[in-house]
Every structure is written in structure tokens, then in C-alpha cells.
């Protein structure tokens, strides 16, 4: 996993957590769900990168 990919995934995860918290605070369920979705997408990308790294070694 490249450093840029790690940074992008961490940024997407952090952004998702902020959206989710803002959605909870404001009662905006759509924003809350979008934040959770961003976090799940980040987790999937990280898993995919780990699989690719495993096959490289």
C-alpha cells in the first residue's frame, strides 16, 4: 500500500467520522449514513490494498 493511498484512506475515514458525528448532533440521518458509508468505503479500500500487498511479497 502506497503512502498516498494510506493517507487518502485515513482522510476519508476521518471525514466519514466527522460527517457521522455532525449528522448525529444535528439529527440529520442522511449525513450520518453518508459518514458511515465513507468509513466503510475506506475500510474496503484498505483491505484491498492489504490483499495486493500480500501478493506482492
PDB file of N, CA and C in Angstrom:
ATOM      1  N   UNK A   1       0.859  -1.159   0.000  1.00  0.00           N
ATOM      2  CA  UNK A   1       0.000   0.000   0.000  1.00  0.00           C
ATOM      3  C   UNK A   1       0.908   1.224   0.000  1.00  0.00           C
ATOM      4  N   UNK A   2       0.681   2.087  -0.962  1.00  0.00           N
ATOM      5  CA  UNK A   2       1.490   3.274  -1.051  1.00  0.00           C
ATOM      6  C   UNK A   2       1.133   4.282   0.029  1.00  0.00           C
ATOM      7  N   UNK A   3       2.063   5.138   0.319  1.00  0.00           N
ATOM      8  CA  UNK A   3       1.853   6.151   1.348  1.00  0.00           C
ATOM      9  C   UNK A   3       0.696   7.068   0.983  1.00  0.00           C
ATOM     10  N   UNK A   4       0.575   7.398  -0.285  1.00  0.00           N
ATOM     11  CA  UNK A   4      -0.540   8.243  -0.727  1.00  0.00           C
ATOM     12  C   UNK A   4      -1.882   7.556  -0.490  1.00  0.00           C
ATOM     13  N   UNK A   5      -1.936   6.260  -0.762  1.00  0.00           N
ATOM     14  CA  UNK A   5      -3.169   5.505  -0.546  1.00  0.00           C
ATOM     15  C   UNK A   5      -3.528   5.473   0.934  1.00  0.00           C
ATOM     16  N   UNK A   6      -2.524   5.251   1.787  1.00  0.00           N
ATOM     17  CA  UNK A   6      -2.768   5.231   3.225  1.00  0.00           C
ATOM     18  C   UNK A   6      -3.299   6.569   3.707  1.00  0.00           C
ATOM     19  N   UNK A   7      -2.699   7.649   3.211  1.00  0.00           N
ATOM     20  CA  UNK A   7      -3.135   8.988   3.596  1.00  0.00           C
ATOM     21  C   UNK A   7      -4.563   9.251   3.124  1.00  0.00           C
ATOM     22  N   UNK A   8      -4.850   8.898   1.887  1.00  0.00           N
ATOM     23  CA  UNK A   8      -6.194   9.104   1.337  1.00  0.00           C
ATOM     24  C   UNK A   8      -7.247   8.311   2.111  1.00  0.00           C
ATOM     25  N   UNK A   9      -6.924   7.071   2.446  1.00  0.00           N
ATOM     26  CA  UNK A   9      -7.863   6.244   3.198  1.00  0.00           C
ATOM     27  C   UNK A   9      -8.092   6.798   4.604  1.00  0.00           C
ATOM     28  N   UNK A  10      -7.021   7.253   5.242  1.00  0.00           N
ATOM     29  CA  UNK A  10      -7.158   7.833   6.580  1.00  0.00           C
ATOM     30  C   UNK A  10      -7.973   9.121   6.532  1.00  0.00           C
ATOM     31  N   UNK A  11      -7.762   9.915   5.497  1.00  0.00           N
ATOM     32  CA  UNK A  11      -8.524  11.161   5.352  1.00  0.00           C
ATOM     33  C   UNK A  11      -9.996  10.862   5.102  1.00  0.00           C
ATOM     34  N   UNK A  12     -10.275   9.859   4.285  1.00  0.00           N
ATOM     35  CA  UNK A  12     -11.670   9.502   4.011  1.00  0.00           C
ATOM     36  C   UNK A  12     -12.335   8.968   5.280  1.00  0.00           C
ATOM     37  N   UNK A  13     -11.617   8.181   6.057  1.00  0.00           N
ATOM     38  CA  UNK A  13     -12.162   7.646   7.296  1.00  0.00           C
ATOM     39  C   UNK A  13     -12.446   8.778   8.289  1.00  0.00           C
ATOM     40  N   UNK A  14     -11.511   9.706   8.430  1.00  0.00           N
ATOM     41  CA  UNK A  14     -11.701  10.835   9.343  1.00  0.00           C
ATOM     42  C   UNK A  14     -12.870  11.703   8.899  1.00  0.00           C
ATOM     43  N   UNK A  15     -12.968  11.942   7.609  1.00  0.00           N
ATOM     44  CA  UNK A  15     -14.074  12.730   7.071  1.00  0.00           C
ATOM     45  C   UNK A  15     -15.403  12.043   7.353  1.00  0.00           C
ATOM     46  N   UNK A  16     -15.429  10.735   7.202  1.00  0.00           N
ATOM     47  CA  UNK A  16     -16.642   9.968   7.477  1.00  0.00           C
ATOM     48  C   UNK A  16     -17.045  10.063   8.939  1.00  0.00           C
ATOM     49  N   UNK A  17     -16.070  10.006   9.817  1.00  0.00           N
ATOM     50  CA  UNK A  17     -16.360  10.113  11.253  1.00  0.00           C
ATOM     51  C   UNK A  17     -16.911  11.494  11.591  1.00  0.00           C
ATOM     52  N   UNK A  18     -16.344  12.521  10.960  1.00  0.00           N
ATOM     53  CA  UNK A  18     -16.851  13.880  11.194  1.00  0.00           C
ATOM     54  C   UNK A  18     -18.278  14.037  10.679  1.00  0.00           C
ATOM     55  N   UNK A  19     -18.541  13.507   9.493  1.00  0.00           N
ATOM     56  CA  UNK A  19     -19.899  13.580   8.938  1.00  0.00           C
ATOM     57  C   UNK A  19     -20.891  12.845   9.831  1.00  0.00           C
ATOM     58  N   UNK A  20     -20.483  11.676  10.286  1.00  0.00           N
ATOM     59  CA  UNK A  20     -21.377  10.896  11.139  1.00  0.00           C
ATOM     60  C   UNK A  20     -21.674  11.652  12.435  1.00  0.00           C
ATOM     61  N   UNK A  21     -20.651  12.226  13.054  1.00  0.00           N
ATOM     62  CA  UNK A  21     -20.842  12.975  14.299  1.00  0.00           C
ATOM     63  C   UNK A  21     -21.704  14.217  14.073  1.00  0.00           C
ATOM     64  N   UNK A  22     -21.474  14.906  12.965  1.00  0.00           N
ATOM     65  CA  UNK A  22     -22.276  16.089  12.655  1.00  0.00           C
ATOM     66  C   UNK A  22     -23.724  15.698  12.403  1.00  0.00           C
ATOM     67  N   UNK A  23     -23.936  14.582  11.747  1.00  0.00           N
ATOM     68  CA  UNK A  23     -25.283  14.088  11.491  1.00  0.00           C
ATOM     69  C   UNK A  23     -26.009  13.733  12.780  1.00  0.00           C
ATOM     70  N   UNK A  24     -25.276  13.105  13.707  1.00  0.00           N
ATOM     71  CA  UNK A  24     -25.874  12.770  15.000  1.00  0.00           C
ATOM     72  C   UNK A  24     -26.237  14.038  15.766  1.00  0.00           C
ATOM     73  N   UNK A  25     -25.312  14.998  15.762  1.00  0.00           N
ATOM     74  CA  UNK A  25     -25.519  16.235  16.517  1.00  0.00           C
ATOM     75  C   UNK A  25     -26.694  17.046  15.976  1.00  0.00           C
ATOM     76  N   UNK A  26     -26.858  17.044  14.672  1.00  0.00           N
ATOM     77  CA  UNK A  26     -27.906  17.860  14.055  1.00  0.00           C
ATOM     78  C   UNK A  26     -29.196  17.089  13.796  1.00  0.00           C
ATOM     79  N   UNK A  27     -29.158  15.779  14.017  1.00  0.00           N
ATOM     80  CA  UNK A  27     -30.332  14.961  13.751  1.00  0.00           C
ATOM     81  C   UNK A  27     -30.531  14.659  12.275  1.00  0.00           C
ATOM     82  N   UNK A  28     -29.499  14.874  11.469  1.00  0.00           N
ATOM     83  CA  UNK A  28     -29.557  14.628  10.025  1.00  0.00           C
ATOM     84  C   UNK A  28     -29.138  13.186   9.749  1.00  0.00           C
ATOM     85  N   UNK A  29     -30.115  12.318   9.603  1.00  0.00           N
ATOM     86  CA  UNK A  29     -29.829  10.891   9.409  1.00  0.00           C
ATOM     87  C   UNK A  29     -29.133  10.623   8.087  1.00  0.00           C
ATOM     88  N   UNK A  30     -29.423  11.419   7.080  1.00  0.00           N
ATOM     89  CA  UNK A  30     -28.785  11.227   5.775  1.00  0.00           C
ATOM     90  C   UNK A  30     -27.280  11.489   5.875  1.00  0.00           C
ATOM     91  N   UNK A  31     -26.910  12.574   6.563  1.00  0.00           N
ATOM     92  CA  UNK A  31     -25.488  12.889   6.729  1.00  0.00           C
ATOM     93  C   UNK A  31     -24.806  11.819   7.580  1.00  0.00           C
ATOM     94  N   UNK A  32     -25.497  11.355   8.583  1.00  0.00           N
ATOM     95  CA  UNK A  32     -24.954  10.314   9.443  1.00  0.00           C
ATOM     96  C   UNK A  32     -24.688   9.042   8.632  1.00  0.00           C
ATOM     97  N   UNK A  33     -25.632   8.657   7.803  1.00  0.00           N
ATOM     98  CA  UNK A  33     -25.472   7.462   6.965  1.00  0.00           C
ATOM     99  C   UNK A  33     -24.356   7.656   5.948  1.00  0.00           C
ATOM    100  N   UNK A  34     -24.254   8.855   5.399  1.00  0.00           N
ATOM    101  CA  UNK A  34     -23.190   9.136   4.434  1.00  0.00           C
ATOM    102  C   UNK A  34     -21.821   9.003   5.106  1.00  0.00           C
ATOM    103  N   UNK A  35     -21.719   9.476   6.328  1.00  0.00           N
ATOM    104  CA  UNK A  35     -20.458   9.345   7.078  1.00  0.00           C
ATOM    105  C   UNK A  35     -20.091   7.898   7.310  1.00  0.00           C
ATOM    106  N   UNK A  36     -21.075   7.091   7.680  1.00  0.00           N
ATOM    107  CA  UNK A  36     -20.813   5.660   7.877  1.00  0.00           C
ATOM    108  C   UNK A  36     -20.396   5.008   6.563  1.00  0.00           C
ATOM    109  N   UNK A  37     -21.022   5.424   5.473  1.00  0.00           N
ATOM    110  CA  UNK A  37     -20.666   4.891   4.160  1.00  0.00           C
ATOM    111  C   UNK A  37     -19.238   5.236   3.773  1.00  0.00           C
ATOM    112  N   UNK A  38     -18.826   6.467   4.061  1.00  0.00           N
ATOM    113  CA  UNK A  38     -17.445   6.869   3.779  1.00  0.00           C
ATOM    114  C   UNK A  38     -16.460   6.014   4.573  1.00  0.00           C
ATOM    115  N   UNK A  39     -16.794   5.732   5.813  1.00  0.00           N
ATOM    116  CA  UNK A  39     -15.915   4.913   6.643  1.00  0.00           C
ATOM    117  C   UNK A  39     -15.826   3.488   6.115  1.00  0.00           C
ATOM    118  N   UNK A  40     -16.956   2.938   5.688  1.00  0.00           N
ATOM    119  CA  UNK A  40     -16.950   1.576   5.141  1.00  0.00           C
ATOM    120  C   UNK A  40     -16.160   1.516   3.836  1.00  0.00           C
ATOM    121  N   UNK A  41     -16.293   2.538   3.003  1.00  0.00           N
ATOM    122  CA  UNK A  41     -15.538   2.571   1.747  1.00  0.00           C
ATOM    123  C   UNK A  41     -14.044   2.609   2.033  1.00  0.00           C
ATOM    124  N   UNK A  42     -13.657   3.388   3.020  1.00  0.00           N
ATOM    125  CA  UNK A  42     -12.248   3.470   3.403  1.00  0.00           C
ATOM    126  C   UNK A  42     -11.744   2.116   3.895  1.00  0.00           C
ATOM    127  N   UNK A  43     -12.546   1.435   4.708  1.00  0.00           N
ATOM    128  CA  UNK A  43     -12.157   0.116   5.209  1.00  0.00           C
ATOM    129  C   UNK A  43     -11.985  -0.887   4.072  1.00  0.00           C
ATOM    130  N   UNK A  44     -12.885  -0.843   3.093  1.00  0.00           N
ATOM    131  CA  UNK A  44     -12.785  -1.762   1.955  1.00  0.00           C
ATOM    132  C   UNK A  44     -11.538  -1.484   1.126  1.00  0.00           C
ATOM    133  N   UNK A  45     -11.236  -0.215   0.919  1.00  0.00           N
ATOM    134  CA  UNK A  45     -10.025   0.137   0.162  1.00  0.00           C
ATOM    135  C   UNK A  45      -8.777  -0.349   0.890  1.00  0.00           C
ATOM    136  N   UNK A  46      -8.753  -0.179   2.214  1.00  0.00           N
ATOM    137  CA  UNK A  46      -7.599  -0.626   2.994  1.00  0.00           C
ATOM    138  C   UNK A  46      -7.439  -2.139   2.894  1.00  0.00           C
ATOM    139  N   UNK A  47      -8.549  -2.864   2.960  1.00  0.00           N
ATOM    140  CA  UNK A  47      -8.491  -4.319   2.845  1.00  0.00           C
ATOM    141  C   UNK A  47      -7.978  -4.736   1.471  1.00  0.00           C
ATOM    142  N   UNK A  48      -8.445  -4.075   0.438  1.00  0.00           N
ATOM    143  CA  UNK A  48      -7.987  -4.371  -0.919  1.00  0.00           C
ATOM    144  C   UNK A  48      -6.505  -4.112  -1.091  1.00  0.00           C
ATOM    145  N   UNK A  49      -6.028  -3.029  -0.518  1.00  0.00           N
ATOM    146  CA  UNK A  49      -4.606  -2.708  -0.606  1.00  0.00           C
ATOM    147  C   UNK A  49      -3.769  -3.746   0.135  1.00  0.00           C
ATOM    148  N   UNK A  50      -4.278  -4.232   1.268  1.00  0.00           N
ATOM    149  CA  UNK A  50      -3.541  -5.264   2.028  1.00  0.00           C
ATOM    150  C   UNK A  50      -3.448  -6.561   1.243  1.00  0.00           C
ATOM    151  N   UNK A  51      -4.516  -6.902   0.528  1.00  0.00           N
ATOM    152  CA  UNK A  51      -4.501  -8.101  -0.305  1.00  0.00           C
ATOM    153  C   UNK A  51      -3.469  -7.948  -1.408  1.00  0.00           C
ATOM    154  N   UNK A  52      -3.461  -6.783  -2.059  1.00  0.00           N
ATOM    155  CA  UNK A  52      -2.479  -6.544  -3.122  1.00  0.00           C
ATOM    156  C   UNK A  52      -1.066  -6.628  -2.573  1.00  0.00           C
ATOM    157  N   UNK A  53      -0.842  -6.058  -1.380  1.00  0.00           N
ATOM    158  CA  UNK A  53       0.489  -6.105  -0.767  1.00  0.00           C
ATOM    159  C   UNK A  53       0.908  -7.541  -0.453  1.00  0.00           C
ATOM    160  N   UNK A  54      -0.048  -8.358  -0.014  1.00  0.00           N
ATOM    161  CA  UNK A  54       0.257  -9.745   0.319  1.00  0.00           C
ATOM    162  C   UNK A  54       0.721 -10.510  -0.905  1.00  0.00           C
ATOM    163  N   UNK A  55       0.128 -10.223  -2.053  1.00  0.00           N
ATOM    164  CA  UNK A  55       0.522 -10.925  -3.284  1.00  0.00           C
ATOM    165  C   UNK A  55       1.822 -10.408  -3.859  1.00  0.00           C
ATOM    166  N   UNK A  56       2.219  -9.207  -3.497  1.00  0.00           N
ATOM    167  CA  UNK A  56       3.491  -8.673  -3.977  1.00  0.00           C
ATOM    168  C   UNK A  56       4.673  -9.329  -3.297  1.00  0.00           C
ATOM    169  N   UNK A  57       4.482  -9.778  -2.071  1.00  0.00           N
ATOM    170  CA  UNK A  57       5.609 -10.325  -1.291  1.00  0.00           C
ATOM    171  C   UNK A  57       5.658 -11.794  -1.358  1.00  0.00           C
TER     172      UNK A  57
END
